[in-house]
Each structure stands twice: as structure tokens, then as C-alpha cells.
Amino acid sequence: MRKPLIIDEWARKEHFNLFKQFEEPFFGVCVDIDCTDAYRNAKQDNISFFLYYLHKSIVAVNEIEPFRYRIVGDEVFVYDEIHASATINRPDGTFGFSYIPYHRKMSDFLITANAEIENVRNSTGLIPTSEHDNIVHYSSLPWLRFTSLSHARSFSRNDSIPKISFGKMTEENSRKIMPVSIHVHHALMDGFNVGQYVDCFQQLMNQDV
């Protein structure tokens, strides 16, 4: 479900009207996330670490309201829930896009996520059969510890979907650190909101399942 945001009553009305006109309205940051506790918990519970942090991330996304905003035509809609569309690697070196429904409970999320991953790995298609706006585009680059990242984008498409990428986890001072890139539409949110997401994600990564 979704509801329209009343733009004329929005404190960010002028920001929205400015940044929606930009040829490149997305801005991005790269941050380090401490995965020490999360990695230990995932291994103890025999959970894929990728799915463990993907779940923590999508929970954080749903907690921060501006991450649930989407531009549709000249309107902004607020979705009740945001789901994950993650790239899934295949044994032949290609990848496919997935659609993984959001579940607040980890066990429920894992059931649907594992089924979708199996489906993508056994397919040859690239794009899911139906288009969704209420998603986050996720990707994982476990081979690279990046400090910056850019995305291939079609500027002719009305795209306001956040893009979050995870990099290679390494050890620093006995702590496990993973780079995370976050790209968002500046007409919908600012650095403050990205900071809220990062703080929430880190807090969730520090908790048990």
C-alpha cells in the first residue's frame, strides 16, 4: 500500500522542486560498518551472512521514512513497506535480479529469500517479470574493499529508488569491517536521513537475530 505525500505541506518542498530537476539527482556516500557481532551471530545460527546483513539493512530502510518515498510522475508516494531487489550471482559468472519480500522477522525473511535465490540461480533471465517501485536496489561485491562506487543509470528513466551496495569484509584491530555504499535521490532526502539509516543499520548489526 502507498499514500501520496502532500508536497505543498512538506518542509522539503523547495528542496524537492530543486533537486527533481537535476540531470543527476542522486548523491552517494561510502561508510564502514562493523560486522564483528553480526558475523559471529550469523555463523552461530548457521545463517548466510549475506542474507543476515541484507535483512538488517532492509529493516533499517523500513524504519527511516524517507527511504520509503518514491517519485511517480509529479507526485511523491509513501509506501508502507519496501522490499529488497538484490543481484544474485550464478555459478556461470552471470547474475540475475531478485525480488525478496520484506519481513520484519528474520526467520520469515530467510524462507522467502532462500527460495528466491534458488529461483534466480536456476534461471537465465535478468530482470524480474514485474516492475516494482517499492524496492531498494541491492548489490554485493565481496571481492572488493571499495572507498567509492558509482552506478550505471538510465537518465531518461524516472528513477528514485535507493541503491545500496556491500563490499569485501576485512579485519582491522580484531574487528570485522565492511564498506557500504548508499546512493539516494536528493529530492527525497538529505545526508541527515542517510545518517539515520547508517546508525539504525549499525545498531541492528550489533544485535542478536
C-alpha atoms as a PDB file:
ATOM      1  CA  MET A   1       0.000   0.000   0.000  1.00  0.00           C
ATOM      2  CA  ARG A   2       1.034   3.596  -0.554  1.00  0.00           C
ATOM      3  CA  LYS A   3      -0.291   7.063   0.124  1.00  0.00           C
ATOM      4  CA  PRO A   4       0.516  10.403  -1.531  1.00  0.00           C
ATOM      5  CA  LEU A   5       2.793  12.845   0.252  1.00  0.00           C
ATOM      6  CA  ILE A   6       1.220  16.326   0.290  1.00  0.00           C
ATOM      7  CA  ILE A   7       4.103  18.228  -1.305  1.00  0.00           C
ATOM      8  CA  ASP A   8       2.699  21.707  -0.555  1.00  0.00           C
ATOM      9  CA  GLU A   9       2.714  20.843   3.166  1.00  0.00           C
ATOM     10  CA  TRP A  10       6.164  19.250   3.097  1.00  0.00           C
ATOM     11  CA  ALA A  11       9.012  21.086   4.833  1.00  0.00           C
ATOM     12  CA  ARG A  12      11.277  19.959   1.984  1.00  0.00           C
ATOM     13  CA  LYS A  13       9.015  21.298  -0.787  1.00  0.00           C
ATOM     14  CA  GLU A  14      11.659  23.689  -2.135  1.00  0.00           C
ATOM     15  CA  HIS A  15      14.378  21.047  -1.903  1.00  0.00           C
ATOM     16  CA  PHE A  16      12.175  18.620  -3.817  1.00  0.00           C
ATOM     17  CA  ASN A  17      11.381  21.122  -6.552  1.00  0.00           C
ATOM     18  CA  LEU A  18      15.070  21.982  -6.923  1.00  0.00           C
ATOM     19  CA  PHE A  19      16.678  18.550  -6.983  1.00  0.00           C
ATOM     20  CA  LYS A  20      13.994  16.807  -9.068  1.00  0.00           C
ATOM     21  CA  GLN A  21      15.138  18.964 -12.000  1.00  0.00           C
ATOM     22  CA  PHE A  22      18.750  17.770 -11.865  1.00  0.00           C
ATOM     23  CA  GLU A  23      20.124  15.520 -14.594  1.00  0.00           C
ATOM     24  CA  GLU A  24      21.847  13.557 -11.810  1.00  0.00           C
ATOM     25  CA  PRO A  25      19.720  13.955  -8.659  1.00  0.00           C
ATOM     26  CA  PHE A  26      21.367  11.064  -6.772  1.00  0.00           C
ATOM     27  CA  PHE A  27      24.094  11.543  -4.202  1.00  0.00           C
ATOM     28  CA  GLY A  28      26.105   8.800  -2.584  1.00  0.00           C
ATOM     29  CA  VAL A  29      28.353   8.058   0.348  1.00  0.00           C
ATOM     30  CA  CYS A  30      30.518   5.112   1.415  1.00  0.00           C
ATOM     31  CA  VAL A  31      30.729   4.136   5.066  1.00  0.00           C
ATOM     32  CA  ASP A  32      32.315   1.343   7.087  1.00  0.00           C
ATOM     33  CA  ILE A  33      30.027  -0.953   9.068  1.00  0.00           C
ATOM     34  CA  ASP A  34      31.331  -3.022  11.980  1.00  0.00           C
ATOM     35  CA  CYS A  35      30.226  -6.600  11.273  1.00  0.00           C
ATOM     36  CA  THR A  36      32.006  -8.335  14.148  1.00  0.00           C
ATOM     37  CA  ASP A  37      28.922  -9.250  16.183  1.00  0.00           C
ATOM     38  CA  ALA A  38      26.719  -9.818  13.135  1.00  0.00           C
ATOM     39  CA  TYR A  39      29.187 -12.200  11.502  1.00  0.00           C
ATOM     40  CA  ARG A  40      29.573 -14.191  14.723  1.00  0.00           C
ATOM     41  CA  ASN A  41      25.794 -14.407  15.212  1.00  0.00           C
ATOM     42  CA  ALA A  42      25.183 -15.475  11.617  1.00  0.00           C
ATOM     43  CA  LYS A  43      27.770 -18.258  11.849  1.00  0.00           C
ATOM     44  CA  GLN A  44      26.479 -19.435  15.222  1.00  0.00           C
ATOM     45  CA  ASP A  45      22.943 -19.686  13.837  1.00  0.00           C
ATOM     46  CA  ASN A  46      24.083 -21.192  10.507  1.00  0.00           C
ATOM     47  CA  ILE A  47      22.632 -18.284   8.523  1.00  0.00           C
ATOM     48  CA  SER A  48      24.093 -16.965   5.282  1.00  0.00           C
ATOM     49  CA  PHE A  49      25.977 -13.810   6.239  1.00  0.00           C
ATOM     50  CA  PHE A  50      24.776 -12.133   3.032  1.00  0.00           C
ATOM     51  CA  LEU A  51      21.143 -12.761   3.955  1.00  0.00           C
ATOM     52  CA  TYR A  52      21.832 -11.795   7.562  1.00  0.00           C
ATOM     53  CA  TYR A  53      23.081  -8.300   6.708  1.00  0.00           C
ATOM     54  CA  LEU A  54      20.594  -7.910   3.843  1.00  0.00           C
ATOM     55  CA  HIS A  55      17.771  -8.462   6.326  1.00  0.00           C
ATOM     56  CA  LYS A  56      19.253  -5.995   8.823  1.00  0.00           C
ATOM     57  CA  SER A  57      19.589  -3.438   6.028  1.00  0.00           C
ATOM     58  CA  ILE A  58      16.026  -3.751   4.731  1.00  0.00           C
ATOM     59  CA  VAL A  59      14.695  -3.498   8.293  1.00  0.00           C
ATOM     60  CA  ALA A  60      16.661  -0.248   8.710  1.00  0.00           C
ATOM     61  CA  VAL A  61      15.337   1.017   5.357  1.00  0.00           C
ATOM     62  CA  ASN A  62      11.765   0.461   6.510  1.00  0.00           C
ATOM     63  CA  GLU A  63      12.475   2.262   9.778  1.00  0.00           C
ATOM     64  CA  ILE A  64      13.601   5.502   8.071  1.00  0.00           C
ATOM     65  CA  GLU A  65      10.548   7.030   6.369  1.00  0.00           C
ATOM     66  CA  PRO A  66      12.269   8.973   3.542  1.00  0.00           C
ATOM     67  CA  PHE A  67      13.703   5.666   2.284  1.00  0.00           C
ATOM     68  CA  ARG A  68      10.068   4.710   1.626  1.00  0.00           C
ATOM     69  CA  TYR A  69       9.406   7.742  -0.577  1.00  0.00           C
ATOM     70  CA  ARG A  70       9.168   7.304  -4.350  1.00  0.00           C
ATOM     71  CA  ILE A  71       8.572   9.792  -7.159  1.00  0.00           C
ATOM     72  CA  VAL A  72       5.778   8.758  -9.530  1.00  0.00           C
ATOM     73  CA  GLY A  73       5.193  11.311 -12.264  1.00  0.00           C
ATOM     74  CA  ASP A  74       4.932  14.656 -10.492  1.00  0.00           C
ATOM     75  CA  GLU A  75       3.864  13.111  -7.192  1.00  0.00           C
ATOM     76  CA  VAL A  76       5.645  11.591  -4.219  1.00  0.00           C
ATOM     77  CA  PHE A  77       4.223   8.468  -2.608  1.00  0.00           C
ATOM     78  CA  VAL A  78       4.997   6.964   0.798  1.00  0.00           C
ATOM     79  CA  TYR A  79       4.986   3.175   0.762  1.00  0.00           C
ATOM     80  CA  ASP A  80       4.021   1.107   3.797  1.00  0.00           C
ATOM     81  CA  GLU A  81       6.795  -1.386   3.081  1.00  0.00           C
ATOM     82  CA  ILE A  82       9.949  -1.553   0.994  1.00  0.00           C
ATOM     83  CA  HIS A  83      11.306  -4.843  -0.338  1.00  0.00           C
ATOM     84  CA  ALA A  84      14.758  -5.971  -1.468  1.00  0.00           C
ATOM     85  CA  SER A  85      15.870  -6.437  -5.066  1.00  0.00           C
ATOM     86  CA  ALA A  86      19.359  -7.894  -4.798  1.00  0.00           C
ATOM     87  CA  THR A  87      21.702  -9.099  -7.522  1.00  0.00           C
ATOM     88  CA  ILE A  88      22.249 -12.858  -7.182  1.00  0.00           C
ATOM     89  CA  ASN A  89      25.412 -14.431  -8.569  1.00  0.00           C
ATOM     90  CA  ARG A  90      25.174 -17.612 -10.651  1.00  0.00           C
ATOM     91  CA  PRO A  91      27.778 -20.382 -10.976  1.00  0.00           C
ATOM     92  CA  ASP A  92      28.474 -19.358 -14.603  1.00  0.00           C
ATOM     93  CA  GLY A  93      29.629 -15.889 -13.538  1.00  0.00           C
ATOM     94  CA  THR A  94      26.443 -14.036 -14.528  1.00  0.00           C
ATOM     95  CA  PHE A  95      23.867 -12.585 -12.169  1.00  0.00           C
ATOM     96  CA  GLY A  96      20.133 -12.052 -12.023  1.00  0.00           C
ATOM     97  CA  PHE A  97      17.910  -9.580 -10.216  1.00  0.00           C
ATOM     98  CA  SER A  98      15.777 -10.889  -7.381  1.00  0.00           C
ATOM     99  CA  TYR A  99      12.653  -9.720  -5.605  1.00  0.00           C
ATOM    100  CA  ILE A 100      12.712 -10.589  -1.899  1.00  0.00           C
ATOM    101  CA  PRO A 101       9.650  -9.514   0.132  1.00  0.00           C
ATOM    102  CA  TYR A 102      10.227  -7.673   3.381  1.00  0.00           C
ATOM    103  CA  HIS A 103       9.604  -9.494   6.640  1.00  0.00           C
ATOM    104  CA  ARG A 104      10.484  -7.950   9.964  1.00  0.00           C
ATOM    105  CA  LYS A 105      11.107 -11.408  11.430  1.00  0.00           C
ATOM    106  CA  MET A 106      14.414 -12.898  10.283  1.00  0.00           C
ATOM    107  CA  SER A 107      13.120 -16.480  10.028  1.00  0.00           C
ATOM    108  CA  ASP A 108      10.262 -15.445   7.714  1.00  0.00           C
ATOM    109  CA  PHE A 109      12.629 -13.364   5.583  1.00  0.00           C
ATOM    110  CA  LEU A 110      15.054 -16.278   5.202  1.00  0.00           C
ATOM    111  CA  ILE A 111      12.352 -18.627   3.896  1.00  0.00           C
ATOM    112  CA  THR A 112      11.336 -16.330   1.049  1.00  0.00           C
ATOM    113  CA  ALA A 113      14.898 -15.119   0.381  1.00  0.00           C
ATOM    114  CA  ASN A 114      16.340 -18.619   0.025  1.00  0.00           C
ATOM    115  CA  ALA A 115      13.505 -19.641  -2.288  1.00  0.00           C
ATOM    116  CA  GLU A 116      14.053 -16.577  -4.484  1.00  0.00           C
ATOM    117  CA  ILE A 117      17.822 -17.091  -4.617  1.00  0.00           C
ATOM    118  CA  GLU A 118      17.298 -20.684  -5.733  1.00  0.00           C
ATOM    119  CA  ASN A 119      14.864 -19.488  -8.394  1.00  0.00           C
ATOM    120  CA  VAL A 120      17.287 -16.870  -9.748  1.00  0.00           C
ATOM    121  CA  ARG A 121      20.260 -19.247  -9.765  1.00  0.00           C
ATOM    122  CA  ASN A 122      18.251 -21.786 -11.763  1.00  0.00           C
ATOM    123  CA  SER A 123      17.110 -19.219 -14.313  1.00  0.00           C
ATOM    124  CA  THR A 124      18.804 -17.374 -17.157  1.00  0.00           C
ATOM    125  CA  GLY A 125      16.742 -14.202 -17.192  1.00  0.00           C
ATOM    126  CA  LEU A 126      17.996 -10.886 -15.875  1.00  0.00           C
ATOM    127  CA  ILE A 127      15.007  -8.794 -14.821  1.00  0.00           C
ATOM    128  CA  PRO A 128      12.009  -9.973 -12.727  1.00  0.00           C
ATOM    129  CA  THR A 129       8.768 -10.325 -14.645  1.00  0.00           C
ATOM    130  CA  SER A 130       7.102  -7.385 -12.893  1.00  0.00           C
ATOM    131  CA  GLU A 131       8.397  -3.920 -12.082  1.00  0.00           C
ATOM    132  CA  HIS A 132       8.259  -2.520  -8.562  1.00  0.00           C
ATOM    133  CA  ASP A 133       8.953   0.955  -7.179  1.00  0.00           C
ATOM    134  CA  ASN A 134       8.805  -0.057  -3.521  1.00  0.00           C
ATOM    135  CA  ILE A 135      12.211  -1.759  -3.523  1.00  0.00           C
ATOM    136  CA  VAL A 136      15.847  -0.983  -2.839  1.00  0.00           C
ATOM    137  CA  HIS A 137      18.380  -1.992  -5.474  1.00  0.00           C
ATOM    138  CA  TYR A 138      20.993  -4.072  -3.632  1.00  0.00           C
ATOM    139  CA  SER A 139      24.290  -5.444  -4.853  1.00  0.00           C
ATOM    140  CA  SER A 140      27.184  -7.223  -3.186  1.00  0.00           C
ATOM    141  CA  LEU A 141      30.827  -7.005  -4.262  1.00  0.00           C
ATOM    142  CA  PRO A 142      32.537  -9.386  -1.809  1.00  0.00           C
ATOM    143  CA  TRP A 143      35.726  -9.319  -3.914  1.00  0.00           C
ATOM    144  CA  LEU A 144      36.388  -5.588  -3.420  1.00  0.00           C
ATOM    145  CA  ARG A 145      37.009  -3.307  -0.486  1.00  0.00           C
ATOM    146  CA  PHE A 146      35.864  -0.065  -2.090  1.00  0.00           C
ATOM    147  CA  THR A 147      36.013   3.509  -0.834  1.00  0.00           C
ATOM    148  CA  SER A 148      33.788   4.903  -3.590  1.00  0.00           C
ATOM    149  CA  LEU A 149      31.292   3.485  -6.053  1.00  0.00           C
ATOM    150  CA  SER A 150      29.155   4.665  -8.965  1.00  0.00           C
ATOM    151  CA  HIS A 151      26.163   3.065 -10.675  1.00  0.00           C
ATOM    152  CA  ALA A 152      25.098   2.523 -14.268  1.00  0.00           C
ATOM    153  CA  ARG A 153      21.888   4.517 -14.697  1.00  0.00           C
ATOM    154  CA  SER A 154      19.458   5.469 -17.450  1.00  0.00           C
ATOM    155  CA  PHE A 155      18.854   9.192 -17.067  1.00  0.00           C
ATOM    156  CA  SER A 156      15.742   9.015 -19.262  1.00  0.00           C
ATOM    157  CA  ARG A 157      14.031   6.812 -16.678  1.00  0.00           C
ATOM    158  CA  ASN A 158      12.176   8.335 -13.742  1.00  0.00           C
ATOM    159  CA  ASP A 159      14.229   6.539 -11.106  1.00  0.00           C
ATOM    160  CA  SER A 160      14.068   7.415  -7.404  1.00  0.00           C
ATOM    161  CA  ILE A 161      14.938   4.003  -5.942  1.00  0.00           C
ATOM    162  CA  PRO A 162      17.811   3.909  -3.388  1.00  0.00           C
ATOM    163  CA  LYS A 163      20.845   1.796  -4.278  1.00  0.00           C
ATOM    164  CA  ILE A 164      22.855   0.083  -1.546  1.00  0.00           C
ATOM    165  CA  SER A 165      25.996  -1.958  -2.201  1.00  0.00           C
ATOM    166  CA  PHE A 166      28.108  -4.071   0.153  1.00  0.00           C
ATOM    167  CA  GLY A 167      31.827  -4.699  -0.284  1.00  0.00           C
ATOM    168  CA  LYS A 168      34.526  -7.046   0.959  1.00  0.00           C
ATOM    169  CA  MET A 169      34.727  -7.600   4.708  1.00  0.00           C
ATOM    170  CA  THR A 170      38.213  -7.254   6.184  1.00  0.00           C
ATOM    171  CA  GLU A 171      39.739  -7.221   9.668  1.00  0.00           C
ATOM    172  CA  GLU A 172      41.007  -4.108  11.424  1.00  0.00           C
ATOM    173  CA  ASN A 173      42.215  -4.240  15.019  1.00  0.00           C
ATOM    174  CA  SER A 174      40.401  -7.552  15.549  1.00  0.00           C
ATOM    175  CA  ARG A 175      37.143  -6.090  14.220  1.00  0.00           C
ATOM    176  CA  LYS A 176      35.395  -7.157  11.008  1.00  0.00           C
ATOM    177  CA  ILE A 177      34.679  -4.121   8.813  1.00  0.00           C
ATOM    178  CA  MET A 178      32.578  -3.980   5.627  1.00  0.00           C
ATOM    179  CA  PRO A 179      32.253  -0.989   3.264  1.00  0.00           C
ATOM    180  CA  VAL A 180      28.699   0.005   2.342  1.00  0.00           C
ATOM    181  CA  SER A 181      27.747   2.403  -0.447  1.00  0.00           C
ATOM    182  CA  ILE A 182      24.420   4.250  -0.253  1.00  0.00           C
ATOM    183  CA  HIS A 183      23.014   6.254  -3.200  1.00  0.00           C
ATOM    184  CA  VAL A 184      19.720   8.119  -2.784  1.00  0.00           C
ATOM    185  CA  HIS A 185      17.612  10.701  -4.618  1.00  0.00           C
ATOM    186  CA  HIS A 186      18.330  14.176  -3.229  1.00  0.00           C
ATOM    187  CA  ALA A 187      14.794  15.387  -3.992  1.00  0.00           C
ATOM    188  CA  LEU A 188      13.531  12.883  -1.420  1.00  0.00           C
ATOM    189  CA  MET A 189      16.118  13.019   1.344  1.00  0.00           C
ATOM    190  CA  ASP A 190      19.317  14.555   2.624  1.00  0.00           C
ATOM    191  CA  GLY A 191      22.510  13.427   4.303  1.00  0.00           C
ATOM    192  CA  PHE A 192      20.777  13.542   7.681  1.00  0.00           C
ATOM    193  CA  ASN A 193      18.412  10.756   6.594  1.00  0.00           C
ATOM    194  CA  VAL A 194      21.259   8.655   5.206  1.00  0.00           C
ATOM    195  CA  GLY A 195      22.956   9.075   8.577  1.00  0.00           C
ATOM    196  CA  GLN A 196      19.788   7.824  10.270  1.00  0.00           C
ATOM    197  CA  TYR A 197      19.821   4.727   8.087  1.00  0.00           C
ATOM    198  CA  VAL A 198      23.512   4.050   8.787  1.00  0.00           C
ATOM    199  CA  ASP A 199      23.019   4.436  12.546  1.00  0.00           C
ATOM    200  CA  CYS A 200      19.965   2.157  12.519  1.00  0.00           C
ATOM    201  CA  PHE A 201      21.724  -0.446  10.347  1.00  0.00           C
ATOM    202  CA  GLN A 202      24.752  -0.476  12.641  1.00  0.00           C
ATOM    203  CA  GLN A 203      22.575  -0.853  15.730  1.00  0.00           C
ATOM    204  CA  LEU A 204      20.751  -3.785  14.160  1.00  0.00           C
ATOM    205  CA  MET A 205      24.041  -5.400  13.143  1.00  0.00           C
ATOM    206  CA  ASN A 206      25.140  -5.210  16.783  1.00  0.00           C
ATOM    207  CA  GLN A 207      22.036  -7.028  17.994  1.00  0.00           C
ATOM    208  CA  ASP A 208      21.191 -10.717  18.062  1.00  0.00           C
ATOM    209  CA  VAL A 209      18.745 -12.080  15.475  1.00  0.00           C
END
